[in-house]
Amino acid sequence: MVQKILNKIIGAKYIGIARTWVPNMVAWGTVGGVALIHFTDWRLVLDYVPYIRGKFKTDE
């Protein structure tokens, strides 16, 4: 049903093109997310990971 609606809106040709690009976009999105975490405050992100959270306790 969804495919029929998409065929009417954008066409089968562009759906096929989008399907070939999805793995590439997922890979680059993952690389971008890892780079964002790497170049920003990585401890802030890792505080939400339960196993790693205990390793960075501060004495306040």
C-alpha atoms as a PDB file:
ATOM      1  CA  MET A   1       0.000   0.000   0.000  1.00  0.00           C
ATOM      2  CA  VAL A   2       2.757   2.438   0.912  1.00  0.00           C
ATOM      3  CA  GLN A   3       4.652   1.566  -2.256  1.00  0.00           C
ATOM      4  CA  LYS A   4       1.594   2.332  -4.386  1.00  0.00           C
ATOM      5  CA  ILE A   5       1.263   5.741  -2.756  1.00  0.00           C
ATOM      6  CA  LEU A   6       4.972   6.474  -3.238  1.00  0.00           C
ATOM      7  CA  ASN A   7       4.774   5.346  -6.872  1.00  0.00           C
ATOM      8  CA  LYS A   8       2.016   7.872  -7.470  1.00  0.00           C
ATOM      9  CA  ILE A   9       3.847  10.691  -5.686  1.00  0.00           C
ATOM     10  CA  ILE A  10       7.483  10.326  -6.769  1.00  0.00           C
ATOM     11  CA  GLY A  11       7.555   7.448  -9.230  1.00  0.00           C
ATOM     12  CA  ALA A  12       9.135   4.007  -9.359  1.00  0.00           C
ATOM     13  CA  LYS A  13      12.364   5.283 -10.916  1.00  0.00           C
ATOM     14  CA  TYR A  14      13.178   7.521  -7.964  1.00  0.00           C
ATOM     15  CA  ILE A  15      12.200   4.847  -5.444  1.00  0.00           C
ATOM     16  CA  GLY A  16      14.762   2.532  -7.055  1.00  0.00           C
ATOM     17  CA  ILE A  17      17.410   5.237  -6.904  1.00  0.00           C
ATOM     18  CA  ALA A  18      16.632   5.903  -3.247  1.00  0.00           C
ATOM     19  CA  ARG A  19      16.915   2.194  -2.409  1.00  0.00           C
ATOM     20  CA  THR A  20      20.423   2.072  -3.837  1.00  0.00           C
ATOM     21  CA  TRP A  21      21.461   5.117  -1.785  1.00  0.00           C
ATOM     22  CA  VAL A  22      20.080   3.942   1.592  1.00  0.00           C
ATOM     23  CA  PRO A  23      23.085   1.760   2.597  1.00  0.00           C
ATOM     24  CA  ASN A  24      25.478   4.539   1.612  1.00  0.00           C
ATOM     25  CA  MET A  25      23.528   7.119   3.630  1.00  0.00           C
ATOM     26  CA  VAL A  26      23.432   4.812   6.662  1.00  0.00           C
ATOM     27  CA  ALA A  27      27.186   4.267   6.487  1.00  0.00           C
ATOM     28  CA  TRP A  28      27.988   7.976   6.187  1.00  0.00           C
ATOM     29  CA  GLY A  29      25.497   8.796   8.941  1.00  0.00           C
ATOM     30  CA  THR A  30      27.239   6.330  11.236  1.00  0.00           C
ATOM     31  CA  VAL A  31      30.650   7.766  10.385  1.00  0.00           C
ATOM     32  CA  GLY A  32      29.333  11.272  11.007  1.00  0.00           C
ATOM     33  CA  GLY A  33      27.849  10.279  14.356  1.00  0.00           C
ATOM     34  CA  VAL A  34      31.089   8.672  15.510  1.00  0.00           C
ATOM     35  CA  ALA A  35      33.068  11.724  14.350  1.00  0.00           C
ATOM     36  CA  LEU A  36      30.676  14.039  16.197  1.00  0.00           C
ATOM     37  CA  ILE A  37      31.137  12.079  19.418  1.00  0.00           C
ATOM     38  CA  HIS A  38      34.902  11.920  18.887  1.00  0.00           C
ATOM     39  CA  PHE A  39      35.375  15.649  18.352  1.00  0.00           C
ATOM     40  CA  THR A  40      32.942  16.772  21.057  1.00  0.00           C
ATOM     41  CA  ASP A  41      32.863  16.009  24.758  1.00  0.00           C
ATOM     42  CA  TRP A  42      32.925  12.207  24.574  1.00  0.00           C
ATOM     43  CA  ARG A  43      32.566  11.820  28.357  1.00  0.00           C
ATOM     44  CA  LEU A  44      29.222  13.588  28.185  1.00  0.00           C
ATOM     45  CA  VAL A  45      27.999  11.001  25.675  1.00  0.00           C
ATOM     46  CA  LEU A  46      29.526   8.019  27.502  1.00  0.00           C
ATOM     47  CA  ASP A  47      27.831   9.033  30.769  1.00  0.00           C
ATOM     48  CA  TYR A  48      24.644   7.555  29.295  1.00  0.00           C
ATOM     49  CA  VAL A  49      26.245   4.131  28.696  1.00  0.00           C
ATOM     50  CA  PRO A  50      25.525   2.129  31.882  1.00  0.00           C
ATOM     51  CA  TYR A  51      28.678  -0.022  31.954  1.00  0.00           C
ATOM     52  CA  ILE A  52      31.093   2.835  31.279  1.00  0.00           C
ATOM     53  CA  ARG A  53      29.330   5.397  33.524  1.00  0.00           C
ATOM     54  CA  GLY A  54      30.964   4.046  36.721  1.00  0.00           C
ATOM     55  CA  LYS A  55      34.502   4.413  35.423  1.00  0.00           C
ATOM     56  CA  PHE A  56      34.360   8.231  35.271  1.00  0.00           C
ATOM     57  CA  LYS A  57      33.002   9.060  38.732  1.00  0.00           C
ATOM     58  CA  THR A  58      34.122  12.412  40.111  1.00  0.00           C
ATOM     59  CA  ASP A  59      34.533  13.172  43.801  1.00  0.00           C
ATOM     60  CA  GLU A  60      32.251  16.143  44.326  1.00  0.00           C
END
